[in-house]
């Protein structure tokens, strides 16, 4: 039976850890951001957070706000976790899929900033203030931009990941 778990949420809240948990339990992994990374590679652009945001917004503008979700659904199998859902139209399209649930992951901003520094990606933010400014851009854009706040409001479940990985796993077990 088909089962799809979508992940949305704030930067460094624990979506990657959540996806890894489901992978360990037999789900295949797909990320809407991987579709954007393919475009960055074609252009020869650096895989920075700024470039990911800009290119994702450009793709949504050119092909429709749900294009990343449509592309990813061509690739998924019977049991998949789909990460990096950041636009309302992506959520609306994915919710038309049989047995799809959307989980929003969040954590206090200070915890997320510390996590983001540890993971070593180009986050385009060198201070907590800059991290917050960058996140504000992602929370409530126009229809073809990132709309994390609205996506999180559309989630079937909200998980606050403000403790240990073990605690997060305990919270996720009910979805298996």
N, C-alpha and C. Protein backbone atom coordinates (compact mmCIF):
# COMPACT_ATOMS: atom_id res chain seq x y z
N UNK A 1 0.84 -1.18 0.00
CA UNK A 1 0.00 0.00 0.00
C UNK A 1 0.88 1.25 0.00
N UNK A 2 0.47 2.23 -0.79
CA UNK A 2 1.22 3.48 -0.87
C UNK A 2 1.13 4.22 0.46
N UNK A 3 2.26 4.83 0.84
CA UNK A 3 2.28 5.67 2.03
C UNK A 3 3.33 6.75 1.80
N UNK A 4 2.91 7.99 1.87
CA UNK A 4 3.81 9.13 1.66
C UNK A 4 3.77 10.03 2.88
N UNK A 5 4.95 10.36 3.37
CA UNK A 5 5.09 11.30 4.48
C UNK A 5 5.84 12.51 3.96
N UNK A 6 5.20 13.65 4.02
CA UNK A 6 5.82 14.90 3.60
C UNK A 6 6.37 15.64 4.80
N UNK A 7 7.48 16.34 4.59
CA UNK A 7 8.11 17.11 5.66
C UNK A 7 8.23 18.57 5.27
N UNK A 8 7.79 19.42 6.17
CA UNK A 8 7.97 20.85 6.02
C UNK A 8 8.45 21.37 7.37
N UNK A 9 8.92 22.58 7.40
CA UNK A 9 9.34 23.16 8.67
C UNK A 9 10.49 24.13 8.50
N UNK A 10 10.86 24.68 9.60
CA UNK A 10 11.89 25.71 9.62
C UNK A 10 13.28 25.11 9.41
N UNK A 11 14.21 25.97 9.03
CA UNK A 11 15.59 25.58 8.77
C UNK A 11 16.25 25.01 10.03
N UNK A 12 16.87 23.84 9.89
CA UNK A 12 17.61 23.18 10.97
C UNK A 12 16.72 22.73 12.13
N UNK A 13 15.44 22.52 11.84
CA UNK A 13 14.52 22.07 12.88
C UNK A 13 14.63 20.56 13.13
N UNK A 14 15.14 19.84 12.14
CA UNK A 14 15.27 18.39 12.29
C UNK A 14 14.59 17.59 11.19
N UNK A 15 14.32 18.23 10.06
CA UNK A 15 13.68 17.52 8.95
C UNK A 15 14.58 16.41 8.43
N UNK A 16 15.88 16.67 8.36
CA UNK A 16 16.83 15.65 7.89
C UNK A 16 16.87 14.45 8.82
N UNK A 17 16.88 14.70 10.11
CA UNK A 17 16.85 13.61 11.10
C UNK A 17 15.54 12.84 11.01
N UNK A 18 14.46 13.57 10.78
CA UNK A 18 13.15 12.93 10.63
C UNK A 18 13.14 12.04 9.39
N UNK A 19 13.66 12.56 8.29
CA UNK A 19 13.73 11.77 7.06
C UNK A 19 14.59 10.53 7.26
N UNK A 20 15.72 10.66 7.95
CA UNK A 20 16.60 9.52 8.22
C UNK A 20 15.88 8.46 9.04
N UNK A 21 15.09 8.89 10.00
CA UNK A 21 14.31 7.95 10.81
C UNK A 21 13.39 7.11 9.92
N UNK A 22 12.68 7.77 9.02
CA UNK A 22 11.76 7.02 8.15
C UNK A 22 12.52 6.13 7.16
N UNK A 23 13.68 6.59 6.70
CA UNK A 23 14.49 5.75 5.82
C UNK A 23 14.90 4.47 6.55
N UNK A 24 15.26 4.59 7.81
CA UNK A 24 15.64 3.41 8.60
C UNK A 24 14.47 2.44 8.76
N UNK A 25 13.27 2.93 8.50
CA UNK A 25 12.08 2.09 8.63
C UNK A 25 11.46 1.78 7.26
N UNK A 26 12.29 1.77 6.23
CA UNK A 26 11.87 1.28 4.92
C UNK A 26 11.31 2.28 3.94
N UNK A 27 11.33 3.55 4.26
CA UNK A 27 10.85 4.57 3.33
C UNK A 27 11.98 5.00 2.41
N UNK A 28 11.68 5.20 1.15
CA UNK A 28 12.67 5.81 0.26
C UNK A 28 12.63 7.32 0.48
N UNK A 29 13.74 8.00 0.18
CA UNK A 29 13.89 9.43 0.48
C UNK A 29 13.90 10.25 -0.79
N UNK A 30 13.13 11.32 -0.78
CA UNK A 30 13.12 12.28 -1.88
C UNK A 30 13.05 13.69 -1.29
N UNK A 31 13.71 14.62 -1.95
CA UNK A 31 13.72 16.00 -1.49
C UNK A 31 13.39 16.92 -2.65
N UNK A 32 12.45 17.82 -2.42
CA UNK A 32 12.16 18.81 -3.45
C UNK A 32 13.40 19.67 -3.73
N UNK A 33 14.23 19.85 -2.72
CA UNK A 33 15.46 20.63 -2.91
C UNK A 33 16.43 19.94 -3.86
N UNK A 34 16.36 18.60 -3.94
CA UNK A 34 17.23 17.90 -4.89
C UNK A 34 16.90 18.27 -6.33
N UNK A 35 15.62 18.55 -6.58
CA UNK A 35 15.23 19.00 -7.91
C UNK A 35 15.88 20.36 -8.20
N UNK A 36 15.94 21.21 -7.19
CA UNK A 36 16.57 22.53 -7.35
C UNK A 36 18.08 22.35 -7.52
N UNK A 37 18.67 21.45 -6.75
CA UNK A 37 20.11 21.20 -6.86
C UNK A 37 20.50 20.76 -8.28
N UNK A 38 19.65 19.99 -8.92
CA UNK A 38 19.90 19.58 -10.32
C UNK A 38 20.00 20.81 -11.22
N UNK A 39 19.11 21.76 -10.99
CA UNK A 39 19.13 23.00 -11.78
C UNK A 39 20.40 23.81 -11.49
N UNK A 40 20.80 23.88 -10.22
CA UNK A 40 22.02 24.61 -9.87
C UNK A 40 23.23 23.99 -10.56
N UNK A 41 23.26 22.66 -10.57
CA UNK A 41 24.37 21.96 -11.21
C UNK A 41 24.42 22.27 -12.70
N UNK A 42 23.27 22.28 -13.36
CA UNK A 42 23.21 22.62 -14.79
C UNK A 42 23.79 24.01 -15.05
N UNK A 43 23.49 24.95 -14.13
CA UNK A 43 23.94 26.33 -14.28
C UNK A 43 25.38 26.54 -13.82
N UNK A 44 25.92 25.55 -13.09
CA UNK A 44 27.26 25.70 -12.54
C UNK A 44 27.32 26.64 -11.34
N UNK A 45 26.18 26.76 -10.64
CA UNK A 45 26.11 27.66 -9.49
C UNK A 45 26.43 26.92 -8.21
N UNK A 46 26.94 27.65 -7.23
CA UNK A 46 27.22 27.11 -5.91
C UNK A 46 25.90 26.70 -5.24
N UNK A 47 25.98 25.66 -4.41
CA UNK A 47 24.80 25.15 -3.71
C UNK A 47 24.62 25.88 -2.38
N UNK A 48 24.46 27.18 -2.43
CA UNK A 48 24.25 27.97 -1.22
C UNK A 48 22.75 28.08 -0.96
N UNK A 49 22.41 28.43 0.25
CA UNK A 49 21.00 28.60 0.62
C UNK A 49 20.35 29.69 -0.25
N UNK A 50 21.08 30.79 -0.47
CA UNK A 50 20.54 31.87 -1.31
C UNK A 50 20.24 31.37 -2.72
N UNK A 51 21.16 30.60 -3.31
CA UNK A 51 20.95 30.08 -4.67
C UNK A 51 19.82 29.06 -4.72
N UNK A 52 19.69 28.25 -3.68
CA UNK A 52 18.59 27.29 -3.62
C UNK A 52 17.24 28.03 -3.59
N UNK A 53 17.16 29.05 -2.76
CA UNK A 53 15.92 29.83 -2.65
C UNK A 53 15.59 30.50 -3.98
N UNK A 54 16.56 31.20 -4.55
CA UNK A 54 16.33 31.92 -5.80
C UNK A 54 15.93 30.98 -6.93
N UNK A 55 16.65 29.88 -7.08
CA UNK A 55 16.37 28.96 -8.17
C UNK A 55 15.02 28.27 -7.98
N UNK A 56 14.70 27.89 -6.75
CA UNK A 56 13.39 27.30 -6.47
C UNK A 56 12.26 28.27 -6.82
N UNK A 57 12.42 29.51 -6.44
CA UNK A 57 11.41 30.52 -6.75
C UNK A 57 11.30 30.74 -8.26
N UNK A 58 12.45 30.74 -8.95
CA UNK A 58 12.45 30.90 -10.41
C UNK A 58 11.71 29.73 -11.09
N UNK A 59 11.97 28.51 -10.63
CA UNK A 59 11.30 27.33 -11.20
C UNK A 59 9.79 27.40 -10.98
N UNK A 60 9.38 27.80 -9.78
CA UNK A 60 7.95 27.92 -9.49
C UNK A 60 7.30 28.99 -10.36
N UNK A 61 8.03 30.09 -10.55
CA UNK A 61 7.52 31.19 -11.39
C UNK A 61 7.35 30.71 -12.84
N UNK A 62 8.32 29.97 -13.35
CA UNK A 62 8.34 29.55 -14.75
C UNK A 62 7.36 28.40 -15.04
N UNK A 63 7.28 27.42 -14.14
CA UNK A 63 6.53 26.20 -14.43
C UNK A 63 5.28 26.00 -13.57
N UNK A 64 5.06 26.87 -12.61
CA UNK A 64 3.92 26.72 -11.70
C UNK A 64 4.42 26.39 -10.30
N UNK A 65 3.69 26.87 -9.31
CA UNK A 65 4.15 26.78 -7.92
C UNK A 65 4.24 25.35 -7.40
N UNK A 66 3.57 24.41 -8.07
CA UNK A 66 3.62 23.01 -7.61
C UNK A 66 4.57 22.14 -8.42
N UNK A 67 5.39 22.74 -9.27
CA UNK A 67 6.24 21.96 -10.19
C UNK A 67 7.20 21.00 -9.48
N UNK A 68 7.79 21.42 -8.39
CA UNK A 68 8.76 20.55 -7.70
C UNK A 68 8.06 19.30 -7.17
N UNK A 69 6.86 19.46 -6.65
CA UNK A 69 6.09 18.32 -6.16
C UNK A 69 5.69 17.40 -7.31
N UNK A 70 5.29 17.97 -8.43
CA UNK A 70 4.93 17.15 -9.60
C UNK A 70 6.13 16.36 -10.10
N UNK A 71 7.29 17.02 -10.18
CA UNK A 71 8.49 16.32 -10.64
C UNK A 71 8.85 15.18 -9.70
N UNK A 72 8.77 15.42 -8.40
CA UNK A 72 9.19 14.41 -7.43
C UNK A 72 8.25 13.20 -7.46
N UNK A 73 6.97 13.42 -7.68
CA UNK A 73 6.01 12.31 -7.67
C UNK A 73 6.22 11.38 -8.87
N UNK A 74 6.91 11.81 -9.89
CA UNK A 74 7.27 10.93 -11.00
C UNK A 74 8.31 9.89 -10.58
N UNK A 75 9.02 10.19 -9.49
CA UNK A 75 10.14 9.35 -9.07
C UNK A 75 9.83 8.45 -7.88
N UNK A 76 8.85 8.80 -7.07
CA UNK A 76 8.63 8.06 -5.82
C UNK A 76 8.01 6.69 -6.08
N UNK A 77 8.23 5.79 -5.14
CA UNK A 77 7.65 4.46 -5.21
C UNK A 77 6.43 4.35 -4.31
N UNK A 78 6.31 3.21 -3.66
CA UNK A 78 5.14 2.92 -2.83
C UNK A 78 5.20 3.56 -1.45
N UNK A 79 6.39 3.73 -0.92
CA UNK A 79 6.56 4.17 0.47
C UNK A 79 7.69 5.19 0.50
N UNK A 80 7.36 6.46 0.66
CA UNK A 80 8.38 7.49 0.54
C UNK A 80 8.20 8.61 1.56
N UNK A 81 9.33 9.16 1.96
CA UNK A 81 9.34 10.39 2.74
C UNK A 81 9.81 11.49 1.78
N UNK A 82 9.05 12.58 1.74
CA UNK A 82 9.32 13.68 0.81
C UNK A 82 9.64 14.92 1.63
N UNK A 83 10.87 15.38 1.49
CA UNK A 83 11.41 16.47 2.30
C UNK A 83 11.38 17.79 1.53
N UNK A 84 11.54 18.89 2.27
CA UNK A 84 11.74 20.23 1.71
C UNK A 84 10.50 20.81 1.03
N UNK A 85 9.35 20.56 1.59
CA UNK A 85 8.11 21.12 1.06
C UNK A 85 7.97 22.54 1.61
N UNK A 86 7.94 23.53 0.70
CA UNK A 86 8.02 24.92 1.14
C UNK A 86 6.99 25.85 0.50
N UNK A 87 6.06 25.29 -0.25
CA UNK A 87 5.10 26.13 -0.95
C UNK A 87 3.70 25.52 -0.83
N UNK A 88 2.70 26.37 -0.65
CA UNK A 88 1.31 25.93 -0.46
C UNK A 88 0.85 25.06 -1.62
N UNK A 89 1.17 25.43 -2.84
CA UNK A 89 0.74 24.65 -4.01
C UNK A 89 1.39 23.27 -4.02
N UNK A 90 2.61 23.17 -3.49
CA UNK A 90 3.24 21.85 -3.35
C UNK A 90 2.43 20.99 -2.38
N UNK A 91 2.04 21.59 -1.25
CA UNK A 91 1.24 20.87 -0.26
C UNK A 91 -0.09 20.45 -0.89
N UNK A 92 -0.75 21.37 -1.56
CA UNK A 92 -2.06 21.06 -2.16
C UNK A 92 -1.95 19.91 -3.15
N UNK A 93 -0.91 19.92 -3.99
CA UNK A 93 -0.74 18.82 -4.94
C UNK A 93 -0.45 17.51 -4.22
N UNK A 94 0.45 17.53 -3.27
CA UNK A 94 0.82 16.30 -2.57
C UNK A 94 -0.36 15.72 -1.77
N UNK A 95 -1.21 16.59 -1.26
CA UNK A 95 -2.37 16.10 -0.50
C UNK A 95 -3.39 15.41 -1.39
N UNK A 96 -3.26 15.52 -2.71
CA UNK A 96 -4.13 14.77 -3.61
C UNK A 96 -3.63 13.33 -3.79
N UNK A 97 -2.44 13.04 -3.32
CA UNK A 97 -1.88 11.69 -3.43
C UNK A 97 -2.47 10.79 -2.35
N UNK A 98 -2.69 9.55 -2.71
CA UNK A 98 -3.26 8.58 -1.78
C UNK A 98 -2.34 8.39 -0.58
N UNK A 99 -2.91 8.41 0.63
CA UNK A 99 -2.19 8.15 1.88
C UNK A 99 -0.99 9.08 2.10
N UNK A 100 -1.20 10.37 1.88
CA UNK A 100 -0.16 11.38 2.12
C UNK A 100 -0.49 12.10 3.43
N UNK A 101 0.52 12.22 4.29
CA UNK A 101 0.38 13.07 5.47
C UNK A 101 1.56 14.05 5.50
N UNK A 102 1.31 15.22 6.00
CA UNK A 102 2.33 16.26 6.10
C UNK A 102 2.66 16.50 7.56
N UNK A 103 3.95 16.39 7.87
CA UNK A 103 4.44 16.65 9.22
C UNK A 103 5.28 17.92 9.18
N UNK A 104 4.97 18.85 10.07
CA UNK A 104 5.78 20.07 10.22
C UNK A 104 6.72 19.86 11.40
N UNK A 105 7.99 20.21 11.20
CA UNK A 105 9.00 20.10 12.25
C UNK A 105 9.46 21.52 12.58
N UNK A 106 9.49 21.82 13.88
CA UNK A 106 9.93 23.15 14.30
C UNK A 106 10.74 23.01 15.59
N UNK A 107 11.46 24.05 15.92
CA UNK A 107 12.24 24.14 17.15
C UNK A 107 12.52 25.61 17.40
N UNK A 108 12.85 25.97 18.63
CA UNK A 108 13.19 27.37 18.91
C UNK A 108 14.35 27.85 18.02
N UNK A 109 14.29 29.10 17.61
CA UNK A 109 15.24 29.63 16.64
C UNK A 109 16.69 29.55 17.13
N UNK A 110 16.93 29.76 18.41
CA UNK A 110 18.30 29.71 18.92
C UNK A 110 18.89 28.31 18.76
N UNK A 111 18.09 27.28 19.03
CA UNK A 111 18.53 25.89 18.87
C UNK A 111 18.81 25.62 17.40
N UNK A 112 17.94 26.07 16.54
CA UNK A 112 18.11 25.83 15.10
C UNK A 112 19.34 26.53 14.56
N UNK A 113 19.62 27.73 15.04
CA UNK A 113 20.81 28.44 14.57
C UNK A 113 22.07 27.66 14.97
N UNK A 114 22.12 27.18 16.19
CA UNK A 114 23.27 26.39 16.64
C UNK A 114 23.41 25.12 15.81
N UNK A 115 22.32 24.45 15.53
CA UNK A 115 22.35 23.25 14.68
C UNK A 115 22.87 23.59 13.29
N UNK A 116 22.41 24.69 12.74
CA UNK A 116 22.82 25.07 11.39
C UNK A 116 24.32 25.33 11.31
N UNK A 117 24.87 25.90 12.36
CA UNK A 117 26.32 26.15 12.38
C UNK A 117 27.10 24.84 12.41
N UNK A 118 26.58 23.84 13.12
CA UNK A 118 27.27 22.56 13.26
C UNK A 118 27.27 21.73 11.99
N UNK A 119 26.25 21.88 11.15
CA UNK A 119 26.15 20.98 10.01
C UNK A 119 27.02 21.36 8.82
N UNK A 120 27.61 22.54 8.84
CA UNK A 120 28.64 22.87 7.86
C UNK A 120 28.18 23.18 6.45
N UNK A 121 26.92 23.52 6.27
CA UNK A 121 26.44 23.91 4.94
C UNK A 121 26.61 25.42 4.77
N UNK A 122 26.53 25.87 3.53
CA UNK A 122 26.55 27.31 3.27
C UNK A 122 25.14 27.84 3.51
N UNK A 123 24.90 28.29 4.73
CA UNK A 123 23.57 28.76 5.15
C UNK A 123 23.34 30.23 4.83
N UNK A 124 24.36 30.94 4.35
CA UNK A 124 24.24 32.36 4.03
C UNK A 124 23.82 33.18 5.24
N UNK A 125 24.25 32.75 6.43
CA UNK A 125 23.94 33.49 7.66
C UNK A 125 25.06 33.27 8.66
N UNK A 126 25.73 34.35 9.03
CA UNK A 126 26.88 34.22 9.94
C UNK A 126 26.56 34.64 11.37
N UNK A 127 25.32 35.06 11.62
CA UNK A 127 24.92 35.44 12.98
C UNK A 127 23.46 35.03 13.18
N UNK A 128 23.04 34.98 14.43
CA UNK A 128 21.65 34.65 14.74
C UNK A 128 20.70 35.66 14.07
N UNK A 129 21.06 36.93 14.11
CA UNK A 129 20.22 37.97 13.51
C UNK A 129 20.07 37.76 12.00
N UNK A 130 21.18 37.42 11.36
CA UNK A 130 21.15 37.17 9.92
C UNK A 130 20.34 35.90 9.61
N UNK A 131 20.47 34.89 10.44
CA UNK A 131 19.71 33.65 10.32
C UNK A 131 18.22 33.95 10.38
N UNK A 132 17.81 34.78 11.33
CA UNK A 132 16.40 35.16 11.50
C UNK A 132 15.92 35.96 10.29
N UNK A 133 16.75 36.90 9.80
CA UNK A 133 16.38 37.69 8.62
C UNK A 133 16.17 36.78 7.41
N UNK A 134 17.09 35.85 7.20
CA UNK A 134 17.00 34.93 6.08
C UNK A 134 15.72 34.09 6.19
N UNK A 135 15.44 33.62 7.38
CA UNK A 135 14.27 32.79 7.60
C UNK A 135 12.98 33.58 7.34
N UNK A 136 12.96 34.84 7.68
CA UNK A 136 11.78 35.68 7.45
C UNK A 136 11.42 35.69 5.97
N UNK A 137 12.43 35.68 5.10
CA UNK A 137 12.19 35.64 3.66
C UNK A 137 11.49 34.34 3.26
N UNK A 138 11.79 33.26 3.94
CA UNK A 138 11.26 31.95 3.58
C UNK A 138 9.86 31.71 4.14
N UNK A 139 9.50 32.42 5.18
CA UNK A 139 8.26 32.11 5.88
C UNK A 139 7.00 32.51 5.13
N UNK A 140 7.02 33.63 4.44
CA UNK A 140 5.76 34.11 3.87
C UNK A 140 5.94 34.86 2.56
N UNK A 141 6.40 34.16 1.56
CA UNK A 141 6.56 34.77 0.25
C UNK A 141 5.27 34.74 -0.55
N UNK A 142 5.37 35.16 -1.79
CA UNK A 142 4.21 35.15 -2.69
C UNK A 142 3.92 33.71 -3.14
N UNK A 143 2.93 33.56 -3.99
CA UNK A 143 2.49 32.22 -4.40
C UNK A 143 3.60 31.39 -5.03
N UNK A 144 4.56 32.00 -5.70
CA UNK A 144 5.63 31.23 -6.35
C UNK A 144 6.92 31.22 -5.53
N UNK A 145 6.86 31.69 -4.31
CA UNK A 145 8.03 31.70 -3.44
C UNK A 145 7.82 30.74 -2.28
N UNK A 146 8.79 30.74 -1.38
CA UNK A 146 8.68 29.89 -0.20
C UNK A 146 7.62 30.45 0.75
N UNK A 147 6.81 29.56 1.29
CA UNK A 147 5.72 29.94 2.19
C UNK A 147 5.69 28.99 3.38
N UNK A 148 6.80 28.90 4.09
CA UNK A 148 6.91 27.92 5.16
C UNK A 148 5.83 28.05 6.22
N UNK A 149 5.51 29.26 6.60
CA UNK A 149 4.51 29.46 7.65
C UNK A 149 3.17 28.84 7.24
N UNK A 150 2.72 29.12 6.02
CA UNK A 150 1.44 28.57 5.55
C UNK A 150 1.53 27.05 5.41
N UNK A 151 2.66 26.54 4.92
CA UNK A 151 2.82 25.09 4.80
C UNK A 151 2.73 24.42 6.16
N UNK A 152 3.37 25.03 7.15
CA UNK A 152 3.32 24.46 8.49
C UNK A 152 1.90 24.48 9.04
N UNK A 153 1.14 25.52 8.72
CA UNK A 153 -0.25 25.61 9.16
C UNK A 153 -1.11 24.54 8.49
N UNK A 154 -0.72 24.09 7.30
CA UNK A 154 -1.46 23.08 6.55
C UNK A 154 -1.09 21.65 6.97
N UNK A 155 -0.07 21.53 7.82
CA UNK A 155 0.41 20.21 8.22
C UNK A 155 -0.65 19.45 9.00
N UNK A 156 -0.61 18.14 8.85
CA UNK A 156 -1.51 17.28 9.61
C UNK A 156 -1.04 17.14 11.05
N UNK A 157 0.28 17.26 11.24
CA UNK A 157 0.89 17.12 12.56
C UNK A 157 2.04 18.10 12.69
N UNK A 158 2.25 18.62 13.92
CA UNK A 158 3.37 19.49 14.24
C UNK A 158 4.20 18.79 15.32
N UNK A 159 5.50 18.70 15.08
CA UNK A 159 6.42 18.14 16.06
C UNK A 159 7.42 19.23 16.45
N UNK A 160 7.51 19.50 17.74
CA UNK A 160 8.51 20.44 18.25
C UNK A 160 9.74 19.61 18.63
N UNK A 161 10.82 19.86 17.94
CA UNK A 161 12.06 19.10 18.13
C UNK A 161 13.05 19.96 18.90
N UNK A 162 12.85 20.03 20.20
CA UNK A 162 13.69 20.89 21.03
C UNK A 162 14.51 20.11 22.05
N UNK A 163 14.66 18.81 21.81
CA UNK A 163 15.38 17.98 22.78
C UNK A 163 16.39 17.09 22.05
N UNK A 164 16.44 15.83 22.40
CA UNK A 164 17.43 14.90 21.83
C UNK A 164 16.87 14.20 20.60
N UNK A 165 17.77 13.56 19.86
CA UNK A 165 17.36 12.76 18.71
C UNK A 165 16.47 11.61 19.17
N UNK A 166 16.80 11.02 20.31
CA UNK A 166 15.98 9.93 20.83
C UNK A 166 14.55 10.39 21.12
N UNK A 167 14.42 11.60 21.66
CA UNK A 167 13.09 12.15 21.92
C UNK A 167 12.34 12.37 20.61
N UNK A 168 13.03 12.89 19.60
CA UNK A 168 12.42 13.07 18.29
C UNK A 168 11.94 11.73 17.75
N UNK A 169 12.77 10.71 17.84
CA UNK A 169 12.39 9.38 17.34
C UNK A 169 11.15 8.85 18.06
N UNK A 170 11.07 9.07 19.36
CA UNK A 170 9.88 8.64 20.11
C UNK A 170 8.61 9.33 19.56
N UNK A 171 8.75 10.61 19.24
CA UNK A 171 7.62 11.35 18.69
C UNK A 171 7.21 10.85 17.32
N UNK A 172 8.17 10.33 16.55
CA UNK A 172 7.91 9.88 15.18
C UNK A 172 7.37 8.46 15.09
N UNK A 173 7.59 7.67 16.10
CA UNK A 173 7.20 6.25 16.05
C UNK A 173 5.71 6.04 15.78
N UNK A 174 4.87 6.96 16.20
CA UNK A 174 3.43 6.80 15.99
C UNK A 174 3.05 6.83 14.50
N UNK A 175 3.95 7.34 13.65
CA UNK A 175 3.63 7.44 12.22
C UNK A 175 3.99 6.17 11.46
N UNK A 176 4.63 5.23 12.11
CA UNK A 176 5.01 3.98 11.44
C UNK A 176 3.81 3.05 11.34
